[in-house]
Amino acid sequence: MWKPISRAQLPADTVELARFLIGGCLVRNSIEGVTTGRIVETEAYPIGDSASHAFKGPVPRAQAMFLNLGHAYVYLIYGSSYCVNVVSEQAEIGAAVLIRALEPLAGIEIMTARRRGARRIDLARGPGRLTAAMAIDSTFNGLDLCAAGPLFLSEHENAAATVKRSCRIGLTRNADARLRFYEAGSAFLSGPKYLSP
């Protein structure tokens, strides 16, 4: 059914990876069952980006960003929500792609229960909602997303018709960089609508 994507299929370049991931799938295996979402929105945090957690080097919080391409970097924001990223480039470089939104595909009932009855359109629209719906927390930090396990990337599900880009959301540093990628016309995108024409 759902099979992990091979690392060789992933572009190592951070910006290319952010675009490539649109239309791919994130799969979560748990005791409750399988939940799957199609990636419709990402943000790139490339080498030398002052908004990146890797900008100051491999500090304890960001050590997973310095793993090899295709690993997970998961961190807590606002003391209550997690964000899941796909590490890019090669080991010891320090860059990643944030997965911002999913279109729920499978296990929607499980996701709905985790998100306390949220509508399908709101289940994974935004990085914190996404991780809550998929039950992703800090225990997944450093996990290989190209290997079968509790969380992995799978091949594309109906490739996006049009991928567009905009500035990233909610940043103060390097805020104007056009490093957000999204599927045009998707109803599952996060952020203000004017950012996703």
N, C-alpha and C. Protein backbone atom coordinates (compact mmCIF):
# COMPACT_ATOMS: atom_id res chain seq x y z
N MET A 1 0.84 -1.20 0.00
CA MET A 1 0.00 0.00 0.00
C MET A 1 0.88 1.25 0.00
N TRP A 2 1.16 1.82 1.18
CA TRP A 2 2.04 2.98 1.26
C TRP A 2 3.47 2.48 1.46
N LYS A 3 4.37 2.93 0.60
CA LYS A 3 5.77 2.51 0.70
C LYS A 3 6.66 3.74 0.87
N PRO A 4 7.72 3.62 1.68
CA PRO A 4 8.62 4.76 1.86
C PRO A 4 9.29 5.15 0.55
N ILE A 5 9.46 6.43 0.36
CA ILE A 5 10.18 6.93 -0.80
C ILE A 5 11.66 6.63 -0.61
N SER A 6 12.38 6.39 -1.67
CA SER A 6 13.82 6.14 -1.54
C SER A 6 14.55 7.48 -1.42
N ARG A 7 15.63 7.48 -0.65
CA ARG A 7 16.41 8.71 -0.47
C ARG A 7 16.93 9.25 -1.81
N ALA A 8 17.21 8.34 -2.74
CA ALA A 8 17.74 8.75 -4.04
C ALA A 8 16.74 9.58 -4.83
N GLN A 9 15.45 9.47 -4.50
CA GLN A 9 14.43 10.25 -5.19
C GLN A 9 14.35 11.68 -4.69
N LEU A 10 14.87 11.94 -3.51
CA LEU A 10 14.75 13.27 -2.91
C LEU A 10 15.85 14.20 -3.41
N PRO A 11 15.48 15.39 -3.92
CA PRO A 11 16.52 16.37 -4.25
C PRO A 11 17.22 16.81 -2.96
N ALA A 12 18.52 16.89 -2.98
CA ALA A 12 19.25 17.30 -1.77
C ALA A 12 19.12 18.80 -1.53
N ASP A 13 19.07 19.59 -2.59
CA ASP A 13 18.95 21.04 -2.46
C ASP A 13 17.65 21.40 -1.72
N THR A 14 17.76 22.26 -0.73
CA THR A 14 16.63 22.57 0.14
C THR A 14 15.44 23.15 -0.61
N VAL A 15 15.69 24.12 -1.47
CA VAL A 15 14.60 24.77 -2.20
C VAL A 15 13.96 23.79 -3.18
N GLU A 16 14.77 23.01 -3.84
CA GLU A 16 14.22 22.00 -4.76
C GLU A 16 13.40 20.96 -4.00
N LEU A 17 13.88 20.57 -2.83
CA LEU A 17 13.15 19.60 -2.02
C LEU A 17 11.79 20.15 -1.59
N ALA A 18 11.76 21.42 -1.19
CA ALA A 18 10.50 22.04 -0.76
C ALA A 18 9.46 21.98 -1.87
N ARG A 19 9.89 22.20 -3.09
CA ARG A 19 8.97 22.13 -4.23
C ARG A 19 8.61 20.68 -4.54
N PHE A 20 9.59 19.80 -4.50
CA PHE A 20 9.39 18.39 -4.82
C PHE A 20 8.37 17.72 -3.90
N LEU A 21 8.38 18.09 -2.62
CA LEU A 21 7.52 17.43 -1.65
C LEU A 21 6.03 17.69 -1.89
N ILE A 22 5.69 18.77 -2.59
CA ILE A 22 4.29 19.06 -2.88
C ILE A 22 3.72 17.92 -3.72
N GLY A 23 2.65 17.32 -3.24
CA GLY A 23 2.03 16.18 -3.92
C GLY A 23 2.47 14.84 -3.36
N GLY A 24 3.56 14.84 -2.58
CA GLY A 24 3.99 13.62 -1.92
C GLY A 24 3.13 13.36 -0.69
N CYS A 25 3.35 12.24 -0.04
CA CYS A 25 2.52 11.87 1.11
C CYS A 25 3.34 11.67 2.37
N LEU A 26 2.73 12.01 3.49
CA LEU A 26 3.29 11.74 4.81
C LEU A 26 2.42 10.66 5.44
N VAL A 27 3.04 9.57 5.88
CA VAL A 27 2.32 8.40 6.39
C VAL A 27 2.69 8.18 7.85
N ARG A 28 1.68 7.97 8.68
CA ARG A 28 1.89 7.73 10.11
C ARG A 28 1.23 6.40 10.50
N ASN A 29 2.05 5.46 10.96
CA ASN A 29 1.55 4.19 11.47
C ASN A 29 1.49 4.26 12.99
N SER A 30 0.35 3.92 13.56
CA SER A 30 0.21 3.92 15.02
C SER A 30 -0.69 2.78 15.45
N ILE A 31 -0.82 2.58 16.74
CA ILE A 31 -1.72 1.55 17.28
C ILE A 31 -3.16 1.82 16.84
N GLU A 32 -3.50 3.10 16.70
CA GLU A 32 -4.87 3.47 16.31
C GLU A 32 -5.17 3.14 14.85
N GLY A 33 -4.12 3.06 14.04
CA GLY A 33 -4.29 2.81 12.62
C GLY A 33 -3.38 3.69 11.79
N VAL A 34 -3.57 3.67 10.48
CA VAL A 34 -2.74 4.44 9.56
C VAL A 34 -3.43 5.75 9.21
N THR A 35 -2.69 6.85 9.32
CA THR A 35 -3.18 8.14 8.85
C THR A 35 -2.21 8.64 7.78
N THR A 36 -2.78 9.19 6.74
CA THR A 36 -1.98 9.64 5.60
C THR A 36 -2.49 10.98 5.10
N GLY A 37 -1.56 11.85 4.74
CA GLY A 37 -1.94 13.13 4.17
C GLY A 37 -1.05 13.47 2.99
N ARG A 38 -1.64 14.12 2.00
CA ARG A 38 -0.92 14.59 0.82
C ARG A 38 -0.36 15.97 1.12
N ILE A 39 0.93 16.16 0.91
CA ILE A 39 1.59 17.43 1.24
C ILE A 39 1.19 18.50 0.23
N VAL A 40 0.60 19.60 0.72
CA VAL A 40 0.15 20.67 -0.17
C VAL A 40 0.86 22.00 0.09
N GLU A 41 1.70 22.05 1.15
CA GLU A 41 2.37 23.32 1.48
C GLU A 41 3.65 23.05 2.26
N THR A 42 4.72 23.71 1.86
CA THR A 42 6.02 23.56 2.52
C THR A 42 6.72 24.91 2.62
N GLU A 43 7.75 24.97 3.45
CA GLU A 43 8.63 26.14 3.51
C GLU A 43 10.07 25.67 3.57
N ALA A 44 10.93 26.29 2.78
CA ALA A 44 12.36 25.94 2.76
C ALA A 44 13.13 26.81 3.75
N TYR A 45 14.06 26.18 4.47
CA TYR A 45 14.99 26.88 5.37
C TYR A 45 16.40 26.46 4.95
N PRO A 46 16.91 27.11 3.90
CA PRO A 46 18.17 26.68 3.27
C PRO A 46 19.42 27.09 4.04
N ILE A 47 20.55 26.69 3.51
CA ILE A 47 21.86 27.00 4.10
C ILE A 47 22.02 28.52 4.22
N GLY A 48 22.47 28.98 5.39
CA GLY A 48 22.74 30.39 5.60
C GLY A 48 21.52 31.25 5.86
N ASP A 49 20.35 30.67 5.97
CA ASP A 49 19.12 31.42 6.20
C ASP A 49 19.06 31.88 7.65
N SER A 50 18.95 33.19 7.86
CA SER A 50 18.96 33.72 9.22
C SER A 50 17.70 33.33 10.00
N ALA A 51 16.66 32.88 9.31
CA ALA A 51 15.44 32.43 9.98
C ALA A 51 15.50 30.96 10.38
N SER A 52 16.55 30.28 9.98
CA SER A 52 16.68 28.84 10.24
C SER A 52 17.23 28.57 11.63
N HIS A 53 16.77 27.49 12.25
CA HIS A 53 17.30 27.08 13.55
C HIS A 53 18.76 26.64 13.44
N ALA A 54 19.22 26.35 12.22
CA ALA A 54 20.60 25.90 12.01
C ALA A 54 21.58 27.06 11.82
N PHE A 55 21.07 28.28 11.80
CA PHE A 55 21.90 29.44 11.47
C PHE A 55 23.08 29.60 12.43
N LYS A 56 22.89 29.25 13.70
CA LYS A 56 23.95 29.39 14.71
C LYS A 56 24.71 28.08 14.93
N GLY A 57 24.54 27.14 14.03
CA GLY A 57 25.25 25.87 14.16
C GLY A 57 24.42 24.81 14.86
N PRO A 58 25.03 23.65 15.14
CA PRO A 58 24.30 22.52 15.72
C PRO A 58 24.05 22.65 17.22
N VAL A 59 23.29 23.69 17.59
CA VAL A 59 22.90 23.84 19.00
C VAL A 59 22.00 22.66 19.37
N PRO A 60 21.84 22.33 20.65
CA PRO A 60 21.08 21.14 21.03
C PRO A 60 19.70 21.04 20.38
N ARG A 61 18.97 22.15 20.32
CA ARG A 61 17.62 22.11 19.75
C ARG A 61 17.63 21.67 18.29
N ALA A 62 18.64 22.08 17.54
CA ALA A 62 18.64 21.89 16.08
C ALA A 62 19.57 20.78 15.60
N GLN A 63 20.04 19.93 16.47
CA GLN A 63 21.02 18.91 16.06
C GLN A 63 20.49 18.01 14.95
N ALA A 64 19.19 17.71 14.96
CA ALA A 64 18.64 16.82 13.93
C ALA A 64 18.71 17.45 12.54
N MET A 65 18.79 18.78 12.47
CA MET A 65 18.89 19.45 11.17
C MET A 65 20.22 19.14 10.49
N PHE A 66 21.17 18.62 11.23
CA PHE A 66 22.50 18.33 10.70
C PHE A 66 22.66 16.85 10.35
N LEU A 67 21.56 16.11 10.36
CA LEU A 67 21.58 14.72 9.92
C LEU A 67 21.56 14.69 8.38
N ASN A 68 21.54 13.49 7.84
CA ASN A 68 21.52 13.33 6.39
C ASN A 68 20.13 13.62 5.82
N LEU A 69 20.08 13.90 4.55
CA LEU A 69 18.85 14.14 3.79
C LEU A 69 17.79 13.09 4.12
N GLY A 70 16.55 13.55 4.34
CA GLY A 70 15.43 12.64 4.52
C GLY A 70 15.12 12.26 5.95
N HIS A 71 15.79 12.85 6.92
CA HIS A 71 15.47 12.59 8.32
C HIS A 71 14.48 13.65 8.83
N ALA A 72 13.86 13.37 9.96
CA ALA A 72 12.88 14.29 10.53
C ALA A 72 13.55 15.24 11.53
N TYR A 73 13.14 16.48 11.47
CA TYR A 73 13.50 17.46 12.50
C TYR A 73 12.17 17.94 13.09
N VAL A 74 11.91 17.58 14.35
CA VAL A 74 10.66 17.92 15.02
C VAL A 74 10.97 18.78 16.23
N TYR A 75 10.27 19.90 16.34
CA TYR A 75 10.51 20.79 17.49
C TYR A 75 9.19 21.37 18.01
N LEU A 76 9.23 21.82 19.24
CA LEU A 76 8.06 22.38 19.92
C LEU A 76 8.04 23.89 19.74
N ILE A 77 6.85 24.44 19.40
CA ILE A 77 6.69 25.90 19.33
C ILE A 77 5.57 26.32 20.27
N TYR A 78 5.68 27.52 20.80
CA TYR A 78 4.66 28.10 21.69
C TYR A 78 4.37 27.21 22.89
N GLY A 79 5.26 26.27 23.17
CA GLY A 79 5.11 25.41 24.34
C GLY A 79 4.01 24.37 24.23
N SER A 80 3.35 24.29 23.05
CA SER A 80 2.21 23.38 22.96
C SER A 80 2.07 22.66 21.62
N SER A 81 2.70 23.17 20.57
CA SER A 81 2.53 22.58 19.23
C SER A 81 3.87 22.16 18.66
N TYR A 82 3.85 21.09 17.87
CA TYR A 82 5.06 20.61 17.22
C TYR A 82 5.06 20.97 15.74
N CYS A 83 6.25 21.07 15.18
CA CYS A 83 6.42 21.25 13.74
C CYS A 83 7.30 20.10 13.24
N VAL A 84 6.95 19.56 12.06
CA VAL A 84 7.75 18.49 11.48
C VAL A 84 8.40 18.97 10.19
N ASN A 85 9.70 18.72 10.08
CA ASN A 85 10.50 19.13 8.94
C ASN A 85 11.20 17.93 8.33
N VAL A 86 11.54 18.06 7.05
CA VAL A 86 12.36 17.06 6.37
C VAL A 86 13.76 17.66 6.21
N VAL A 87 14.76 17.01 6.77
CA VAL A 87 16.14 17.50 6.67
C VAL A 87 16.58 17.41 5.21
N SER A 88 17.29 18.46 4.77
CA SER A 88 17.76 18.53 3.39
C SER A 88 19.29 18.56 3.36
N GLU A 89 19.84 18.68 2.16
CA GLU A 89 21.28 18.74 1.95
C GLU A 89 21.94 17.43 2.43
N GLN A 90 23.18 17.52 2.87
CA GLN A 90 23.92 16.35 3.34
C GLN A 90 24.20 16.49 4.83
N ALA A 91 24.67 15.42 5.44
CA ALA A 91 24.97 15.45 6.88
C ALA A 91 25.94 16.57 7.22
N GLU A 92 25.70 17.20 8.37
CA GLU A 92 26.54 18.25 8.94
C GLU A 92 26.38 19.61 8.25
N ILE A 93 25.43 19.73 7.32
CA ILE A 93 25.20 21.00 6.64
C ILE A 93 24.24 21.89 7.43
N GLY A 94 23.07 21.37 7.79
CA GLY A 94 22.11 22.12 8.58
C GLY A 94 21.09 22.89 7.75
N ALA A 95 20.07 22.21 7.24
CA ALA A 95 18.99 22.83 6.48
C ALA A 95 17.80 21.88 6.51
N ALA A 96 16.60 22.42 6.27
CA ALA A 96 15.41 21.57 6.33
C ALA A 96 14.23 22.24 5.62
N VAL A 97 13.20 21.43 5.41
CA VAL A 97 11.94 21.89 4.81
C VAL A 97 10.81 21.63 5.80
N LEU A 98 10.10 22.68 6.17
CA LEU A 98 8.95 22.56 7.05
C LEU A 98 7.74 22.09 6.25
N ILE A 99 7.04 21.08 6.74
CA ILE A 99 5.76 20.67 6.13
C ILE A 99 4.67 21.48 6.82
N ARG A 100 4.02 22.35 6.06
CA ARG A 100 3.05 23.29 6.64
C ARG A 100 1.61 22.79 6.60
N ALA A 101 1.25 21.99 5.60
CA ALA A 101 -0.15 21.57 5.50
C ALA A 101 -0.28 20.28 4.71
N LEU A 102 -1.29 19.51 5.08
CA LEU A 102 -1.62 18.25 4.41
C LEU A 102 -3.09 18.26 3.98
N GLU A 103 -3.36 17.55 2.92
CA GLU A 103 -4.73 17.19 2.56
C GLU A 103 -4.96 15.78 3.09
N PRO A 104 -5.82 15.61 4.09
CA PRO A 104 -6.03 14.28 4.67
C PRO A 104 -6.56 13.29 3.63
N LEU A 105 -5.96 12.10 3.59
CA LEU A 105 -6.35 11.08 2.63
C LEU A 105 -6.91 9.83 3.28
N ALA A 106 -6.23 9.33 4.31
CA ALA A 106 -6.63 8.08 4.95
C ALA A 106 -6.57 8.24 6.47
N GLY A 107 -7.42 7.49 7.15
CA GLY A 107 -7.47 7.59 8.61
C GLY A 107 -8.08 8.89 9.09
N ILE A 108 -9.00 9.43 8.32
CA ILE A 108 -9.59 10.73 8.64
C ILE A 108 -10.34 10.69 9.97
N GLU A 109 -10.99 9.56 10.26
CA GLU A 109 -11.71 9.44 11.54
C GLU A 109 -10.73 9.51 12.71
N ILE A 110 -9.56 8.91 12.55
CA ILE A 110 -8.54 8.95 13.61
C ILE A 110 -8.05 10.38 13.79
N MET A 111 -7.76 11.05 12.68
CA MET A 111 -7.30 12.44 12.75
C MET A 111 -8.35 13.33 13.41
N THR A 112 -9.61 13.10 13.06
CA THR A 112 -10.70 13.91 13.61
C THR A 112 -10.80 13.74 15.12
N ALA A 113 -10.63 12.50 15.58
CA ALA A 113 -10.66 12.25 17.03
C ALA A 113 -9.49 12.94 17.73
N ARG A 114 -8.33 12.92 17.11
CA ARG A 114 -7.15 13.58 17.70
C ARG A 114 -7.31 15.09 17.74
N ARG A 115 -8.07 15.62 16.78
CA ARG A 115 -8.26 17.07 16.68
C ARG A 115 -9.62 17.51 17.22
N ARG A 116 -10.22 16.67 18.06
CA ARG A 116 -11.45 16.99 18.78
C ARG A 116 -12.58 17.44 17.85
N GLY A 117 -12.80 16.66 16.80
CA GLY A 117 -13.94 16.89 15.94
C GLY A 117 -13.78 17.97 14.88
N ALA A 118 -12.55 18.39 14.62
CA ALA A 118 -12.33 19.42 13.59
C ALA A 118 -12.82 18.93 12.23
N ARG A 119 -13.24 19.89 11.41
CA ARG A 119 -13.67 19.55 10.05
C ARG A 119 -12.46 19.06 9.24
N ARG A 120 -12.72 18.24 8.23
CA ARG A 120 -11.64 17.69 7.41
C ARG A 120 -10.74 18.79 6.86
N ILE A 121 -11.33 19.89 6.43
CA ILE A 121 -10.55 20.98 5.83
C ILE A 121 -9.58 21.60 6.83
N ASP A 122 -9.89 21.48 8.13
CA ASP A 122 -9.06 22.10 9.17
C ASP A 122 -8.15 21.11 9.90
N LEU A 123 -8.22 19.83 9.57
CA LEU A 123 -7.48 18.82 10.32
C LEU A 123 -5.98 19.05 10.32
N ALA A 124 -5.41 19.37 9.15
CA ALA A 124 -3.95 19.47 9.03
C ALA A 124 -3.54 20.72 8.26
N ARG A 125 -4.32 21.79 8.42
CA ARG A 125 -4.08 23.06 7.73
C ARG A 125 -3.27 23.97 8.65
N GLY A 126 -1.95 23.78 8.61
CA GLY A 126 -1.04 24.49 9.50
C GLY A 126 -0.16 23.50 10.22
N PRO A 127 1.09 23.86 10.52
CA PRO A 127 2.05 22.89 11.07
C PRO A 127 1.66 22.29 12.41
N GLY A 128 1.05 23.07 13.30
CA GLY A 128 0.65 22.54 14.60
C GLY A 128 -0.56 21.62 14.51
N ARG A 129 -1.51 21.99 13.69
CA ARG A 129 -2.68 21.14 13.47
C ARG A 129 -2.25 19.83 12.82
N LEU A 130 -1.36 19.93 11.86
CA LEU A 130 -0.84 18.76 11.14
C LEU A 130 -0.24 17.73 12.10
N THR A 131 0.63 18.18 12.98
CA THR A 131 1.28 17.24 13.90
C THR A 131 0.30 16.68 14.93
N ALA A 132 -0.69 17.48 15.33
CA ALA A 132 -1.71 16.97 16.24
C ALA A 132 -2.55 15.89 15.55
N ALA A 133 -2.95 16.14 14.31
CA ALA A 133 -3.77 15.18 13.57
C ALA A 133 -3.02 13.88 13.29
N MET A 134 -1.70 13.99 13.10
CA MET A 134 -0.89 12.82 12.78
C MET A 134 -0.20 12.22 14.01
N ALA A 135 -0.44 12.81 15.18
CA ALA A 135 0.18 12.35 16.44
C ALA A 135 1.70 12.30 16.32
N ILE A 136 2.29 13.43 15.93
CA ILE A 136 3.74 13.57 15.80
C ILE A 136 4.24 14.44 16.94
N ASP A 137 5.24 13.96 17.67
CA ASP A 137 5.81 14.75 18.75
C ASP A 137 7.34 14.62 18.73
N SER A 138 7.99 15.05 19.78
CA SER A 138 9.46 15.10 19.81
C SER A 138 10.11 13.73 19.73
N THR A 139 9.37 12.66 19.99
CA THR A 139 9.96 11.32 19.89
C THR A 139 10.30 10.96 18.45
N PHE A 140 9.79 11.72 17.49
CA PHE A 140 10.07 11.46 16.08
C PHE A 140 11.28 12.27 15.58
N ASN A 141 11.82 13.11 16.43
CA ASN A 141 12.97 13.92 16.04
C ASN A 141 14.16 13.02 15.69
N GLY A 142 14.70 13.18 14.48
CA GLY A 142 15.84 12.39 14.03
C GLY A 142 15.46 11.11 13.31
N LEU A 143 14.17 10.80 13.21
CA LEU A 143 13.71 9.57 12.56
C LEU A 143 14.02 9.61 11.06
N ASP A 144 14.37 8.47 10.50
CA ASP A 144 14.60 8.35 9.06
C ASP A 144 13.25 8.26 8.36
N LEU A 145 12.90 9.26 7.56
CA LEU A 145 11.62 9.31 6.87
C LEU A 145 11.63 8.55 5.55
N CYS A 146 12.77 7.93 5.23
CA CYS A 146 12.88 7.12 4.01
C CYS A 146 12.91 5.64 4.34
N ALA A 147 12.49 5.29 5.53
CA ALA A 147 12.48 3.89 5.97
C ALA A 147 11.11 3.56 6.54
N ALA A 148 10.67 2.32 6.37
CA ALA A 148 9.39 1.89 6.94
C ALA A 148 9.45 2.03 8.46
N GLY A 149 8.39 2.58 9.03
CA GLY A 149 8.36 2.79 10.47
C GLY A 149 7.12 3.57 10.85
N PRO A 150 7.14 4.22 12.00
CA PRO A 150 5.95 4.92 12.46
C PRO A 150 5.63 6.19 11.67
N LEU A 151 6.62 6.75 10.97
CA LEU A 151 6.40 7.97 10.18
C LEU A 151 7.36 7.94 9.00
N PHE A 152 6.82 8.14 7.79
CA PHE A 152 7.69 8.16 6.62
C PHE A 152 7.05 8.92 5.46
N LEU A 153 7.89 9.29 4.51
CA LEU A 153 7.44 9.93 3.28
C LEU A 153 7.13 8.85 2.26
N SER A 154 6.05 9.04 1.52
CA SER A 154 5.69 8.09 0.47
C SER A 154 5.63 8.81 -0.86
N GLU A 155 5.53 8.03 -1.93
CA GLU A 155 5.54 8.61 -3.27
C GLU A 155 4.33 9.50 -3.51
N HIS A 156 4.40 10.27 -4.57
CA HIS A 156 3.38 11.26 -4.87
C HIS A 156 2.02 10.62 -5.15
N GLU A 157 0.99 11.31 -4.70
CA GLU A 157 -0.39 10.91 -4.91
C GLU A 157 -1.05 11.98 -5.77
N ASN A 158 -1.21 11.69 -7.05
CA ASN A 158 -1.79 12.66 -7.98
C ASN A 158 -1.00 13.97 -7.95
N ALA A 159 0.06 14.02 -8.70
CA ALA A 159 0.97 15.17 -8.70
C ALA A 159 0.21 16.48 -8.84
N ALA A 160 0.67 17.48 -8.11
CA ALA A 160 0.01 18.78 -8.14
C ALA A 160 -0.01 19.35 -9.55
N ALA A 161 -1.16 19.91 -9.92
CA ALA A 161 -1.29 20.51 -11.25
C ALA A 161 -0.39 21.74 -11.37
N THR A 162 -0.40 22.57 -10.35
CA THR A 162 0.40 23.80 -10.38
C THR A 162 0.99 24.05 -9.00
N VAL A 163 2.30 24.24 -8.93
CA VAL A 163 2.96 24.59 -7.68
C VAL A 163 3.40 26.04 -7.77
N LYS A 164 3.01 26.83 -6.77
CA LYS A 164 3.37 28.25 -6.73
C LYS A 164 4.24 28.51 -5.50
N ARG A 165 4.77 29.73 -5.41
CA ARG A 165 5.61 30.09 -4.27
C ARG A 165 5.27 31.48 -3.78
N SER A 166 5.58 31.71 -2.50
CA SER A 166 5.34 33.02 -1.88
C SER A 166 6.35 33.21 -0.75
N CYS A 167 6.24 34.31 -0.05
CA CYS A 167 7.06 34.50 1.14
C CYS A 167 6.55 33.55 2.23
N ARG A 168 7.42 33.27 3.20
CA ARG A 168 7.05 32.37 4.29
C ARG A 168 6.12 33.08 5.27
N ILE A 169 5.54 32.31 6.17
CA ILE A 169 4.51 32.83 7.06
C ILE A 169 5.03 32.97 8.49
N GLY A 170 4.73 34.12 9.12
CA GLY A 170 4.98 34.31 10.54
C GLY A 170 6.42 34.53 10.94
N LEU A 171 7.26 35.01 10.02
CA LEU A 171 8.67 35.23 10.33
C LEU A 171 8.99 36.71 10.46
N THR A 172 10.03 37.00 11.23
CA THR A 172 10.54 38.37 11.30
C THR A 172 11.89 38.48 10.61
N ARG A 173 12.68 37.40 10.63
CA ARG A 173 13.98 37.39 9.95
C ARG A 173 13.83 36.84 8.53
N ASN A 174 14.47 37.51 7.59
CA ASN A 174 14.43 37.06 6.19
C ASN A 174 12.99 36.79 5.75
N ALA A 175 12.09 37.67 6.20
CA ALA A 175 10.65 37.46 6.02
C ALA A 175 10.19 37.56 4.58
N ASP A 176 10.93 38.28 3.74
CA ASP A 176 10.49 38.48 2.35
C ASP A 176 10.95 37.39 1.39
N ALA A 177 11.76 36.47 1.87
CA ALA A 177 12.27 35.40 1.00
C ALA A 177 11.11 34.53 0.50
N ARG A 178 11.06 34.33 -0.79
CA ARG A 178 9.97 33.55 -1.40
C ARG A 178 10.31 32.06 -1.35
N LEU A 179 10.19 31.50 -0.17
CA LEU A 179 10.61 30.12 0.07
C LEU A 179 9.47 29.23 0.55
N ARG A 180 8.26 29.70 0.38
CA ARG A 180 7.07 28.88 0.67
C ARG A 180 6.52 28.35 -0.65
N PHE A 181 6.23 27.05 -0.69
CA PHE A 181 5.68 26.42 -1.88
C PHE A 181 4.32 25.83 -1.55
N TYR A 182 3.39 25.90 -2.50
CA TYR A 182 2.05 25.40 -2.23
C TYR A 182 1.37 24.97 -3.52
N GLU A 183 0.40 24.08 -3.36
CA GLU A 183 -0.40 23.63 -4.49
C GLU A 183 -1.49 24.66 -4.76
N ALA A 184 -1.45 25.27 -5.93
CA ALA A 184 -2.43 26.28 -6.28
C ALA A 184 -3.83 25.69 -6.26
N GLY A 185 -4.76 26.41 -5.62
CA GLY A 185 -6.15 25.98 -5.61
C GLY A 185 -6.52 25.00 -4.51
N SER A 186 -5.55 24.54 -3.73
CA SER A 186 -5.87 23.60 -2.66
C SER A 186 -6.68 24.29 -1.56
N ALA A 187 -7.68 23.60 -1.07
CA ALA A 187 -8.51 24.13 0.02
C ALA A 187 -7.88 23.90 1.38
N PHE A 188 -6.74 23.21 1.41
CA PHE A 188 -6.15 22.77 2.68
C PHE A 188 -4.92 23.60 3.09
N LEU A 189 -4.69 24.73 2.44
CA LEU A 189 -3.53 25.57 2.73
C LEU A 189 -3.72 26.35 4.02
N SER A 190 -2.59 26.68 4.66
CA SER A 190 -2.63 27.51 5.87
C SER A 190 -2.39 28.97 5.51
N GLY A 191 -2.52 29.83 6.48
CA GLY A 191 -2.19 31.23 6.27
C GLY A 191 -3.27 32.00 5.54
N PRO A 192 -3.06 33.33 5.44
CA PRO A 192 -4.04 34.18 4.77
C PRO A 192 -4.19 33.82 3.29
N LYS A 193 -5.40 33.95 2.78
CA LYS A 193 -5.68 33.57 1.40
C LYS A 193 -4.91 34.41 0.38
N TYR A 194 -4.58 35.66 0.74
CA TYR A 194 -3.88 36.51 -0.21
C TYR A 194 -2.46 36.02 -0.51
N LEU A 195 -1.94 35.16 0.36
CA LEU A 195 -0.61 34.60 0.12
C LEU A 195 -0.64 33.42 -0.85
N SER A 196 -1.81 32.93 -1.16
CA SER A 196 -1.95 31.75 -2.00
C SER A 196 -2.89 32.01 -3.19
N PRO A 197 -2.55 32.98 -4.05
CA PRO A 197 -3.43 33.32 -5.17
C PRO A 197 -3.50 32.20 -6.21
